[in-house]
Each structure stands twice: as C-alpha cells, then as structure tokens.
Amino acid sequence: MEKRRLVMGIVVAVGVFSSAALALPPMGRPMATLKQGQWDAGAEYGYTDMDLQADFKWENIRPGVPPVSGKESTTLKDFKSNMFFGRLGYGVSDNWEAFLRLGAADVKMQDGFDGGYGFAWGFGTKATFLKEDSVTWGGLFQVTWFNPGDDKLTDTETFTVGEGQVDVPISGKGEVDWWEIQIAVGPTWQTGNLCIYGGPFLHFLNGDYDEKLTGTLTTPGDVISKATADIEQDSEFGGYVGAQWDLGTWIENASWSAEFQFTGDAWAFGTGMTWRLP
C-alpha cells in the first residue's frame, strides 16, 4: 500500500498558493473621494496572514494497478502574502467614483515554499451616502483576481513493489486562479489634514487549484499524483480601521494612507500614496 505523505504535501501546496488568493487588498476610505470628472492615481502595498478552507480531491496512478483516490477537507493555516498595485480612479459623479488596479502578489509559507510573484488585478466603486459636519458615511465594493506563476513542487512517495518498498522522488508543478470580493460600509471623520475611517466589511473568496507530480519506478514505469481543490474563505465577516493624511504642504495634491483589516481568521495591513490629477 502506498503511503500518503504526498497528500499532506498537496495540502501544504494548496495552502501556499491559495494564500495569495485571500490577500485582503487595501480598501481605503468607504466613501467617494473624487468630484465628477476628476481623476487620481496611486500606488498601494498590502500584507496579509490568513487561514483558508480547502476541499480537495487526489489521485495516485501507477501502471498495472487500479488508481488510488480520495477526498479531504482541511483548514489551511499560517500563510502570508505581499501585494503591490497601481491604481487609477475616476469621479463618475460628486458622490460616486470607480477605480481600476493592476499589480502583482507573491505567496510564502513557513516551510520555505515560495509561489513567486504573479499578475493581480481588480476594480471597484465607492459611494457617499450622507454628510454630517466632519463625518461622511459611505460604502465600497471591490473585486480582485490573482493568478501567480506556477511553482515547482517536490516530494518522495513510498510504493510497495513485490515484497518490498521503494522510495520514489516525484516532482511537478501547481497552478491556481481565484477571485475575492470585499464589501464595506462606515464613517470617515475629517479633522484638519487627517481622516480616520473604518467599519465592518464582508469578504468572499473562491478559487481553484490544480497539481500534477510524476516520478519513475524501475518497474513498472512512471507514477503520477494529481490533486485539485476548491478554495474559499474561512471567515466572511471582519472590520477595518485606517487613517489618511493630506500631504499638500509637502507634495501637491498627494495623500498617504495606512489601514488594518481583521476577520475571524485573518489580519492584513495596507498602505499607499495617492495623487489627484489635474
């Protein structure tokens, strides 16, 4: 009977890749920040540490014997991601804006697995609902897609051959694609050149993972291990808080922001610079 050490390797690989899928991109103020016809551009950075849920199927194939397969659901813990975005926003009206972001994200895990940087992009919209003196109430919606580069995976699988056992090195690659949605509402408080903002938010993620590893037995030939997984968030509800400073005294039409996001199974930090275009 073949040992199932590879299955745990698959779980780890899925967790590493899916961490980027759940990268909790920065959200910024939950309100429209541009007047009708105005444009702004920005640069953003985000870091996240999350737990995810994965439902996967695996199959081991070797010549001359029936395939061995199975299913398993597991919680993927303690994976991390860095993300970088360029952002462009436009004021559709005085109380409504839309934006597009393009960038890249990586994924890392404590065992040293590194998925590398890959393409990420998204879009969103913000709206102002109510203004009361120094407090503005509003909301935002954004969706982001991640598609990192393939990563090489290696392991050793033990096979029973005749009356003995043989350790077979196996190697291959994994690939993943996913999307996530964030929906937030809350207040923004303005005092001088400083804004404090935050509120509750919902976070939804869905992704797919595929992996294939191969090795060679002297007899009877190549062995193949495959795995696929459906990935989703572990917690849907969270909160966030942030601050934005107007840097007009030093840099015309520029501002800098920083924020923290929390859910039941994740935390994230984001920061960025924004320039209002003439």
C-alpha atoms as a PDB file:
ATOM      1  CA  MET A   1       0.000   0.000   0.000  1.00  0.00           C
ATOM      2  CA  GLU A   2       1.391   3.409  -0.962  1.00  0.00           C
ATOM      3  CA  LYS A   3       1.991   5.834   1.899  1.00  0.00           C
ATOM      4  CA  ARG A   4       0.004   9.068   1.897  1.00  0.00           C
ATOM      5  CA  ARG A   5       2.801  11.525   2.705  1.00  0.00           C
ATOM      6  CA  LEU A   6       2.175  13.175  -0.634  1.00  0.00           C
ATOM      7  CA  VAL A   7      -1.363  14.035   0.386  1.00  0.00           C
ATOM      8  CA  MET A   8      -0.089  16.298   3.160  1.00  0.00           C
ATOM      9  CA  GLY A   9       2.310  17.856   0.690  1.00  0.00           C
ATOM     10  CA  ILE A  10      -0.666  18.620  -1.527  1.00  0.00           C
ATOM     11  CA  VAL A  11      -2.478  20.262   1.381  1.00  0.00           C
ATOM     12  CA  VAL A  12       0.556  22.452   2.075  1.00  0.00           C
ATOM     13  CA  ALA A  13       0.886  23.407  -1.581  1.00  0.00           C
ATOM     14  CA  VAL A  14      -2.761  24.319  -1.851  1.00  0.00           C
ATOM     15  CA  GLY A  15      -2.442  26.451   1.280  1.00  0.00           C
ATOM     16  CA  VAL A  16       0.591  28.271  -0.050  1.00  0.00           C
ATOM     17  CA  PHE A  17      -0.960  29.141  -3.377  1.00  0.00           C
ATOM     18  CA  SER A  18      -4.359  29.996  -2.004  1.00  0.00           C
ATOM     19  CA  SER A  19      -2.868  32.463   0.463  1.00  0.00           C
ATOM     20  CA  ALA A  20      -2.440  34.927  -2.329  1.00  0.00           C
ATOM     21  CA  ALA A  21      -5.999  34.348  -3.381  1.00  0.00           C
ATOM     22  CA  LEU A  22      -7.029  35.681   0.026  1.00  0.00           C
ATOM     23  CA  ALA A  23      -4.774  38.617   0.188  1.00  0.00           C
ATOM     24  CA  LEU A  24      -7.267  41.186   1.514  1.00  0.00           C
ATOM     25  CA  PRO A  25      -6.231  44.139  -0.697  1.00  0.00           C
ATOM     26  CA  PRO A  26      -6.335  47.647   0.837  1.00  0.00           C
ATOM     27  CA  MET A  27      -9.768  49.303   0.736  1.00  0.00           C
ATOM     28  CA  GLY A  28      -9.221  52.939   1.739  1.00  0.00           C
ATOM     29  CA  ARG A  29     -11.953  55.341   2.804  1.00  0.00           C
ATOM     30  CA  PRO A  30     -15.507  53.925   2.408  1.00  0.00           C
ATOM     31  CA  MET A  31     -16.757  56.995   0.514  1.00  0.00           C
ATOM     32  CA  ALA A  32     -16.398  58.812  -2.794  1.00  0.00           C
ATOM     33  CA  THR A  33     -13.224  60.919  -2.730  1.00  0.00           C
ATOM     34  CA  LEU A  34     -13.411  62.458  -6.225  1.00  0.00           C
ATOM     35  CA  LYS A  35     -15.717  65.045  -7.710  1.00  0.00           C
ATOM     36  CA  GLN A  36     -17.391  64.408 -11.047  1.00  0.00           C
ATOM     37  CA  GLY A  37     -14.814  64.253 -13.850  1.00  0.00           C
ATOM     38  CA  GLN A  38     -11.769  64.156 -11.527  1.00  0.00           C
ATOM     39  CA  TRP A  39      -9.011  61.530 -11.808  1.00  0.00           C
ATOM     40  CA  ASP A  40      -6.467  60.236  -9.322  1.00  0.00           C
ATOM     41  CA  ALA A  41      -3.603  57.722  -9.451  1.00  0.00           C
ATOM     42  CA  GLY A  42      -1.946  55.786  -6.680  1.00  0.00           C
ATOM     43  CA  ALA A  43       0.464  53.064  -5.568  1.00  0.00           C
ATOM     44  CA  GLU A  44      -0.586  50.510  -2.930  1.00  0.00           C
ATOM     45  CA  TYR A  45       1.078  47.814  -0.845  1.00  0.00           C
ATOM     46  CA  GLY A  46      -0.639  45.145   1.242  1.00  0.00           C
ATOM     47  CA  TYR A  47       0.427  42.268   3.517  1.00  0.00           C
ATOM     48  CA  THR A  48      -1.814  39.517   4.867  1.00  0.00           C
ATOM     49  CA  ASP A  49      -1.726  36.419   7.090  1.00  0.00           C
ATOM     50  CA  MET A  50      -4.770  34.121   6.780  1.00  0.00           C
ATOM     51  CA  ASP A  51      -6.433  30.746   7.296  1.00  0.00           C
ATOM     52  CA  LEU A  52      -8.487  29.191   4.477  1.00  0.00           C
ATOM     53  CA  GLN A  53     -10.759  26.235   3.824  1.00  0.00           C
ATOM     54  CA  ALA A  54      -9.900  23.738   1.045  1.00  0.00           C
ATOM     55  CA  ASP A  55     -11.925  20.801  -0.301  1.00  0.00           C
ATOM     56  CA  PHE A  56      -9.627  18.721  -2.470  1.00  0.00           C
ATOM     57  CA  LYS A  57      -9.541  15.511  -4.462  1.00  0.00           C
ATOM     58  CA  TRP A  58      -6.364  13.495  -5.060  1.00  0.00           C
ATOM     59  CA  GLU A  59      -5.430  10.520  -7.200  1.00  0.00           C
ATOM     60  CA  ASN A  60      -2.271   8.371  -7.410  1.00  0.00           C
ATOM     61  CA  ILE A  61      -1.754   6.425 -10.648  1.00  0.00           C
ATOM     62  CA  ARG A  62       0.798   3.669 -11.350  1.00  0.00           C
ATOM     63  CA  PRO A  63       0.967   1.101 -14.154  1.00  0.00           C
ATOM     64  CA  GLY A  64      -0.549  -2.296 -13.581  1.00  0.00           C
ATOM     65  CA  VAL A  65      -2.713  -1.459 -10.533  1.00  0.00           C
ATOM     66  CA  PRO A  66      -6.010   0.422 -10.092  1.00  0.00           C
ATOM     67  CA  PRO A  67      -5.701   4.181  -9.299  1.00  0.00           C
ATOM     68  CA  VAL A  68      -5.920   5.175  -5.629  1.00  0.00           C
ATOM     69  CA  SER A  69      -8.023   8.294  -4.938  1.00  0.00           C
ATOM     70  CA  GLY A  70      -9.680  10.179  -2.114  1.00  0.00           C
ATOM     71  CA  LYS A  71     -11.238  13.415  -0.856  1.00  0.00           C
ATOM     72  CA  GLU A  72     -10.435  15.580   2.132  1.00  0.00           C
ATOM     73  CA  SER A  73     -11.470  18.919   3.640  1.00  0.00           C
ATOM     74  CA  THR A  74      -8.988  20.844   5.736  1.00  0.00           C
ATOM     75  CA  THR A  75      -8.138  24.235   7.218  1.00  0.00           C
ATOM     76  CA  LEU A  76      -5.022  25.793   5.715  1.00  0.00           C
ATOM     77  CA  LYS A  77      -3.163  27.808   8.341  1.00  0.00           C
ATOM     78  CA  ASP A  78      -0.388  30.378   8.637  1.00  0.00           C
ATOM     79  CA  PHE A  79       0.374  31.518   5.105  1.00  0.00           C
ATOM     80  CA  LYS A  80       1.419  35.017   4.070  1.00  0.00           C
ATOM     81  CA  SER A  81       1.313  37.269   1.015  1.00  0.00           C
ATOM     82  CA  ASN A  82       2.712  40.585  -0.201  1.00  0.00           C
ATOM     83  CA  MET A  83       0.899  42.538  -2.923  1.00  0.00           C
ATOM     84  CA  PHE A  84       1.663  45.656  -4.956  1.00  0.00           C
ATOM     85  CA  PHE A  85      -0.837  47.619  -7.045  1.00  0.00           C
ATOM     86  CA  GLY A  86      -1.031  50.658  -9.255  1.00  0.00           C
ATOM     87  CA  ARG A  87      -4.453  52.317  -9.008  1.00  0.00           C
ATOM     88  CA  LEU A  88      -6.438  54.718 -11.237  1.00  0.00           C
ATOM     89  CA  GLY A  89      -9.712  56.317 -10.083  1.00  0.00           C
ATOM     90  CA  TYR A  90     -12.399  58.442 -11.758  1.00  0.00           C
ATOM     91  CA  GLY A  91     -15.263  60.513 -10.340  1.00  0.00           C
ATOM     92  CA  VAL A  92     -18.471  59.372 -12.047  1.00  0.00           C
ATOM     93  CA  SER A  93     -20.410  61.965 -10.029  1.00  0.00           C
ATOM     94  CA  ASP A  94     -19.763  64.032  -6.911  1.00  0.00           C
ATOM     95  CA  ASN A  95     -20.926  61.098  -4.745  1.00  0.00           C
ATOM     96  CA  TRP A  96     -19.760  58.132  -6.810  1.00  0.00           C
ATOM     97  CA  GLU A  97     -16.366  57.002  -8.111  1.00  0.00           C
ATOM     98  CA  ALA A  98     -14.909  53.927  -9.821  1.00  0.00           C
ATOM     99  CA  PHE A  99     -11.363  52.601  -9.861  1.00  0.00           C
ATOM    100  CA  LEU A 100      -9.099  50.030 -11.510  1.00  0.00           C
ATOM    101  CA  ARG A 101      -5.993  48.414 -10.022  1.00  0.00           C
ATOM    102  CA  LEU A 102      -3.208  46.364 -11.644  1.00  0.00           C
ATOM    103  CA  GLY A 103      -0.301  44.699  -9.893  1.00  0.00           C
ATOM    104  CA  ALA A 104       1.325  41.530  -8.594  1.00  0.00           C
ATOM    105  CA  ALA A 105       1.321  39.331  -5.480  1.00  0.00           C
ATOM    106  CA  ASP A 106       3.515  36.581  -4.025  1.00  0.00           C
ATOM    107  CA  VAL A 107       2.847  33.774  -1.555  1.00  0.00           C
ATOM    108  CA  LYS A 108       5.094  32.256   1.132  1.00  0.00           C
ATOM    109  CA  MET A 109       4.761  29.649   3.863  1.00  0.00           C
ATOM    110  CA  GLN A 110       6.894  28.825   6.919  1.00  0.00           C
ATOM    111  CA  ASP A 111       8.301  25.660   5.322  1.00  0.00           C
ATOM    112  CA  GLY A 112      10.057  27.855   2.723  1.00  0.00           C
ATOM    113  CA  PHE A 113       7.608  27.265  -0.127  1.00  0.00           C
ATOM    114  CA  ASP A 114       7.537  30.331  -2.393  1.00  0.00           C
ATOM    115  CA  GLY A 115       4.945  30.768  -5.132  1.00  0.00           C
ATOM    116  CA  GLY A 116       6.661  33.843  -6.591  1.00  0.00           C
ATOM    117  CA  TYR A 117       5.045  36.996  -7.932  1.00  0.00           C
ATOM    118  CA  GLY A 118       2.225  36.764 -10.450  1.00  0.00           C
ATOM    119  CA  PHE A 119      -0.366  39.016 -12.058  1.00  0.00           C
ATOM    120  CA  ALA A 120      -3.196  40.521  -9.988  1.00  0.00           C
ATOM    121  CA  TRP A 121      -5.873  42.990 -10.997  1.00  0.00           C
ATOM    122  CA  GLY A 122      -9.248  44.291  -9.879  1.00  0.00           C
ATOM    123  CA  PHE A 123     -11.815  47.056  -9.945  1.00  0.00           C
ATOM    124  CA  GLY A 124     -14.270  48.644  -7.562  1.00  0.00           C
ATOM    125  CA  THR A 125     -16.535  51.509  -6.725  1.00  0.00           C
ATOM    126  CA  LYS A 126     -17.155  53.848  -3.782  1.00  0.00           C
ATOM    127  CA  ALA A 127     -20.190  55.962  -2.921  1.00  0.00           C
ATOM    128  CA  THR A 128     -21.060  58.671  -0.401  1.00  0.00           C
ATOM    129  CA  PHE A 129     -24.406  58.215   1.362  1.00  0.00           C
ATOM    130  CA  LEU A 130     -24.575  61.036   3.916  1.00  0.00           C
ATOM    131  CA  LYS A 131     -22.501  64.014   5.095  1.00  0.00           C
ATOM    132  CA  GLU A 132     -22.865  65.376   8.635  1.00  0.00           C
ATOM    133  CA  ASP A 133     -20.403  68.151   9.510  1.00  0.00           C
ATOM    134  CA  SER A 134     -16.999  66.445   9.820  1.00  0.00           C
ATOM    135  CA  VAL A 135     -18.341  62.893   9.373  1.00  0.00           C
ATOM    136  CA  THR A 136     -19.146  61.290   5.995  1.00  0.00           C
ATOM    137  CA  TRP A 137     -20.940  57.956   5.669  1.00  0.00           C
ATOM    138  CA  GLY A 138     -20.434  55.737   2.646  1.00  0.00           C
ATOM    139  CA  GLY A 139     -19.554  52.324   1.290  1.00  0.00           C
ATOM    140  CA  LEU A 140     -17.354  50.469  -1.153  1.00  0.00           C
ATOM    141  CA  PHE A 141     -17.340  47.345  -3.285  1.00  0.00           C
ATOM    142  CA  GLN A 142     -14.231  45.809  -4.850  1.00  0.00           C
ATOM    143  CA  VAL A 143     -13.290  42.556  -6.575  1.00  0.00           C
ATOM    144  CA  THR A 144      -9.736  41.310  -7.192  1.00  0.00           C
ATOM    145  CA  TRP A 145      -8.334  38.430  -9.250  1.00  0.00           C
ATOM    146  CA  PHE A 146      -4.967  36.739  -8.627  1.00  0.00           C
ATOM    147  CA  ASN A 147      -3.017  34.449 -10.952  1.00  0.00           C
ATOM    148  CA  PRO A 148       0.544  33.827  -9.673  1.00  0.00           C
ATOM    149  CA  GLY A 149       3.118  31.935 -11.688  1.00  0.00           C
ATOM    150  CA  ASP A 150       3.391  28.150 -11.435  1.00  0.00           C
ATOM    151  CA  ASP A 151       5.686  26.816  -8.728  1.00  0.00           C
ATOM    152  CA  LYS A 152       7.796  23.667  -8.708  1.00  0.00           C
ATOM    153  CA  LEU A 153       6.862  21.027  -6.134  1.00  0.00           C
ATOM    154  CA  THR A 154       8.919  18.045  -4.979  1.00  0.00           C
ATOM    155  CA  ASP A 155       8.300  15.143  -2.609  1.00  0.00           C
ATOM    156  CA  THR A 156       9.104  11.463  -2.041  1.00  0.00           C
ATOM    157  CA  GLU A 157       6.419   8.784  -2.315  1.00  0.00           C
ATOM    158  CA  THR A 158       6.882   5.219  -0.976  1.00  0.00           C
ATOM    159  CA  PHE A 159       5.488   2.392  -3.140  1.00  0.00           C
ATOM    160  CA  THR A 160       5.104  -1.295  -2.358  1.00  0.00           C
ATOM    161  CA  VAL A 161       6.766  -3.379  -5.081  1.00  0.00           C
ATOM    162  CA  GLY A 162       6.603  -7.132  -4.634  1.00  0.00           C
ATOM    163  CA  GLU A 163       7.637  -7.923  -1.064  1.00  0.00           C
ATOM    164  CA  GLY A 164       9.493  -4.658  -0.521  1.00  0.00           C
ATOM    165  CA  GLN A 165       9.075  -0.882  -0.603  1.00  0.00           C
ATOM    166  CA  VAL A 166      10.669   1.699  -2.878  1.00  0.00           C
ATOM    167  CA  ASP A 167      11.040   5.476  -2.238  1.00  0.00           C
ATOM    168  CA  VAL A 168      10.399   7.372  -5.462  1.00  0.00           C
ATOM    169  CA  PRO A 169      11.259  11.083  -5.884  1.00  0.00           C
ATOM    170  CA  ILE A 170       8.359  12.884  -7.554  1.00  0.00           C
ATOM    171  CA  SER A 171       8.194  16.415  -8.910  1.00  0.00           C
ATOM    172  CA  GLY A 172       5.890  18.671 -10.882  1.00  0.00           C
ATOM    173  CA  LYS A 173       4.070  21.969 -10.621  1.00  0.00           C
ATOM    174  CA  GLY A 174       0.922  23.540  -9.222  1.00  0.00           C
ATOM    175  CA  GLU A 175      -1.197  26.366 -10.558  1.00  0.00           C
ATOM    176  CA  VAL A 176      -4.111  28.331  -9.109  1.00  0.00           C
ATOM    177  CA  ASP A 177      -6.567  31.077 -10.013  1.00  0.00           C
ATOM    178  CA  TRP A 178      -9.080  32.825  -7.753  1.00  0.00           C
ATOM    179  CA  TRP A 179     -11.148  35.930  -7.091  1.00  0.00           C
ATOM    180  CA  GLU A 180     -12.231  37.725  -3.949  1.00  0.00           C
ATOM    181  CA  ILE A 181     -14.863  40.330  -3.081  1.00  0.00           C
ATOM    182  CA  GLN A 182     -14.845  42.924  -0.289  1.00  0.00           C
ATOM    183  CA  ILE A 183     -17.898  44.992   0.673  1.00  0.00           C
ATOM    184  CA  ALA A 184     -17.575  47.657   3.388  1.00  0.00           C
ATOM    185  CA  VAL A 185     -19.635  50.459   4.918  1.00  0.00           C
ATOM    186  CA  GLY A 186     -18.700  53.010   7.541  1.00  0.00           C
ATOM    187  CA  PRO A 187     -17.843  56.570   8.533  1.00  0.00           C
ATOM    188  CA  THR A 188     -14.922  58.838   7.662  1.00  0.00           C
ATOM    189  CA  TRP A 189     -14.071  61.523  10.208  1.00  0.00           C
ATOM    190  CA  GLN A 190     -12.190  64.605   8.953  1.00  0.00           C
ATOM    191  CA  THR A 191     -10.100  66.814  11.220  1.00  0.00           C
ATOM    192  CA  GLY A 192      -7.668  69.197   9.545  1.00  0.00           C
ATOM    193  CA  ASN A 193      -5.365  67.275   7.205  1.00  0.00           C
ATOM    194  CA  LEU A 194      -6.218  63.923   8.831  1.00  0.00           C
ATOM    195  CA  CYS A 195      -9.041  61.464   8.064  1.00  0.00           C
ATOM    196  CA  ILE A 196      -9.913  58.494  10.290  1.00  0.00           C
ATOM    197  CA  TYR A 197     -12.063  55.816   8.638  1.00  0.00           C
ATOM    198  CA  GLY A 198     -13.261  52.245   9.051  1.00  0.00           C
ATOM    199  CA  GLY A 199     -16.213  49.974   9.652  1.00  0.00           C
ATOM    200  CA  PRO A 200     -17.436  46.396   9.139  1.00  0.00           C
ATOM    201  CA  PHE A 201     -16.859  44.509   5.902  1.00  0.00           C
ATOM    202  CA  LEU A 202     -17.719  41.234   4.179  1.00  0.00           C
ATOM    203  CA  HIS A 203     -15.064  39.124   2.453  1.00  0.00           C
ATOM    204  CA  PHE A 204     -15.760  36.335  -0.059  1.00  0.00           C
ATOM    205  CA  LEU A 205     -13.179  34.230  -1.876  1.00  0.00           C
ATOM    206  CA  ASN A 206     -13.397  31.412  -4.392  1.00  0.00           C
ATOM    207  CA  GLY A 207     -10.523  29.656  -6.149  1.00  0.00           C
ATOM    208  CA  ASP A 208      -9.361  26.518  -7.965  1.00  0.00           C
ATOM    209  CA  TYR A 209      -6.065  24.674  -7.594  1.00  0.00           C
ATOM    210  CA  ASP A 210      -4.514  22.019  -9.890  1.00  0.00           C
ATOM    211  CA  GLU A 211      -1.359  19.971  -9.304  1.00  0.00           C
ATOM    212  CA  LYS A 212       0.422  17.140 -11.109  1.00  0.00           C
ATOM    213  CA  LEU A 213       3.611  15.347  -9.946  1.00  0.00           C
ATOM    214  CA  THR A 214       5.402  12.438 -11.615  1.00  0.00           C
ATOM    215  CA  GLY A 215       8.197  10.006 -10.781  1.00  0.00           C
ATOM    216  CA  THR A 216       9.696   6.800 -12.194  1.00  0.00           C
ATOM    217  CA  LEU A 217       9.762   3.278 -10.771  1.00  0.00           C
ATOM    218  CA  THR A 218      12.367   0.987 -12.305  1.00  0.00           C
ATOM    219  CA  THR A 219       9.469  -1.423 -12.687  1.00  0.00           C
ATOM    220  CA  PRO A 220       6.791  -0.977 -13.942  1.00  0.00           C
ATOM    221  CA  GLY A 221       7.290   2.663 -15.041  1.00  0.00           C
ATOM    222  CA  ASP A 222       6.081   6.233 -14.396  1.00  0.00           C
ATOM    223  CA  VAL A 223       3.858   7.052 -11.435  1.00  0.00           C
ATOM    224  CA  ILE A 224       1.585  10.107 -11.353  1.00  0.00           C
ATOM    225  CA  SER A 225      -0.005  12.022  -8.480  1.00  0.00           C
ATOM    226  CA  LYS A 226      -2.767  14.551  -9.185  1.00  0.00           C
ATOM    227  CA  ALA A 227      -4.720  16.920  -6.940  1.00  0.00           C
ATOM    228  CA  THR A 228      -7.423  19.545  -7.394  1.00  0.00           C
ATOM    229  CA  ALA A 229      -9.009  21.759  -4.747  1.00  0.00           C
ATOM    230  CA  ASP A 230     -11.842  24.231  -4.274  1.00  0.00           C
ATOM    231  CA  ILE A 231     -10.689  27.065  -2.003  1.00  0.00           C
ATOM    232  CA  GLU A 232     -12.751  29.548   0.000  1.00  0.00           C
ATOM    233  CA  GLN A 233     -12.500  31.952   2.929  1.00  0.00           C
ATOM    234  CA  ASP A 234     -12.724  30.624   6.468  1.00  0.00           C
ATOM    235  CA  SER A 235     -14.426  33.760   7.855  1.00  0.00           C
ATOM    236  CA  GLU A 236     -16.745  36.105   5.922  1.00  0.00           C
ATOM    237  CA  PHE A 237     -17.126  38.962   8.405  1.00  0.00           C
ATOM    238  CA  GLY A 238     -14.491  41.457   9.532  1.00  0.00           C
ATOM    239  CA  GLY A 239     -13.694  45.037  10.444  1.00  0.00           C
ATOM    240  CA  TYR A 240     -11.087  47.577   9.465  1.00  0.00           C
ATOM    241  CA  VAL A 241      -9.697  50.926  10.541  1.00  0.00           C
ATOM    242  CA  GLY A 242      -7.357  53.348   8.808  1.00  0.00           C
ATOM    243  CA  ALA A 243      -6.058  56.882   8.521  1.00  0.00           C
ATOM    244  CA  GLN A 244      -5.261  59.168   5.589  1.00  0.00           C
ATOM    245  CA  TRP A 245      -3.071  62.275   5.686  1.00  0.00           C
ATOM    246  CA  ASP A 246      -3.201  65.143   3.182  1.00  0.00           C
ATOM    247  CA  LEU A 247       0.425  65.834   2.206  1.00  0.00           C
ATOM    248  CA  GLY A 248      -0.322  69.036   0.307  1.00  0.00           C
ATOM    249  CA  THR A 249       2.121  71.003   2.476  1.00  0.00           C
ATOM    250  CA  TRP A 250       4.998  68.883   1.119  1.00  0.00           C
ATOM    251  CA  ILE A 251       3.641  67.251  -2.067  1.00  0.00           C
ATOM    252  CA  GLU A 252       0.896  68.992  -4.035  1.00  0.00           C
ATOM    253  CA  ASN A 253      -2.373  67.025  -4.431  1.00  0.00           C
ATOM    254  CA  ALA A 254      -0.889  63.985  -2.629  1.00  0.00           C
ATOM    255  CA  SER A 255      -2.064  61.919   0.340  1.00  0.00           C
ATOM    256  CA  TRP A 256      -0.793  58.886   2.260  1.00  0.00           C
ATOM    257  CA  SER A 257      -2.916  56.237   3.979  1.00  0.00           C
ATOM    258  CA  ALA A 258      -2.442  53.197   6.227  1.00  0.00           C
ATOM    259  CA  GLU A 259      -5.015  50.659   7.454  1.00  0.00           C
ATOM    260  CA  PHE A 260      -5.513  47.367   9.315  1.00  0.00           C
ATOM    261  CA  GLN A 261      -8.092  44.702   8.428  1.00  0.00           C
ATOM    262  CA  PHE A 262      -9.265  41.844  10.670  1.00  0.00           C
ATOM    263  CA  THR A 263     -11.540  38.823  10.256  1.00  0.00           C
ATOM    264  CA  GLY A 264     -12.039  35.798  12.493  1.00  0.00           C
ATOM    265  CA  ASP A 265      -9.149  34.007  10.768  1.00  0.00           C
ATOM    266  CA  ALA A 266      -7.008  36.712   9.152  1.00  0.00           C
ATOM    267  CA  TRP A 267      -5.318  40.057   9.550  1.00  0.00           C
ATOM    268  CA  ALA A 268      -3.894  42.414   6.956  1.00  0.00           C
ATOM    269  CA  PHE A 269      -2.024  45.706   6.697  1.00  0.00           C
ATOM    270  CA  GLY A 270      -2.173  48.112   3.767  1.00  0.00           C
ATOM    271  CA  THR A 271      -0.619  51.439   2.867  1.00  0.00           C
ATOM    272  CA  GLY A 272      -0.482  53.661  -0.200  1.00  0.00           C
ATOM    273  CA  MET A 273       0.093  57.046  -1.819  1.00  0.00           C
ATOM    274  CA  THR A 274      -2.494  58.816  -3.970  1.00  0.00           C
ATOM    275  CA  TRP A 275      -2.076  61.790  -6.321  1.00  0.00           C
ATOM    276  CA  ARG A 276      -5.056  63.785  -7.576  1.00  0.00           C
ATOM    277  CA  LEU A 277      -4.518  64.506 -11.266  1.00  0.00           C
ATOM    278  CA  PRO A 278      -5.039  67.986 -12.766  1.00  0.00           C
END
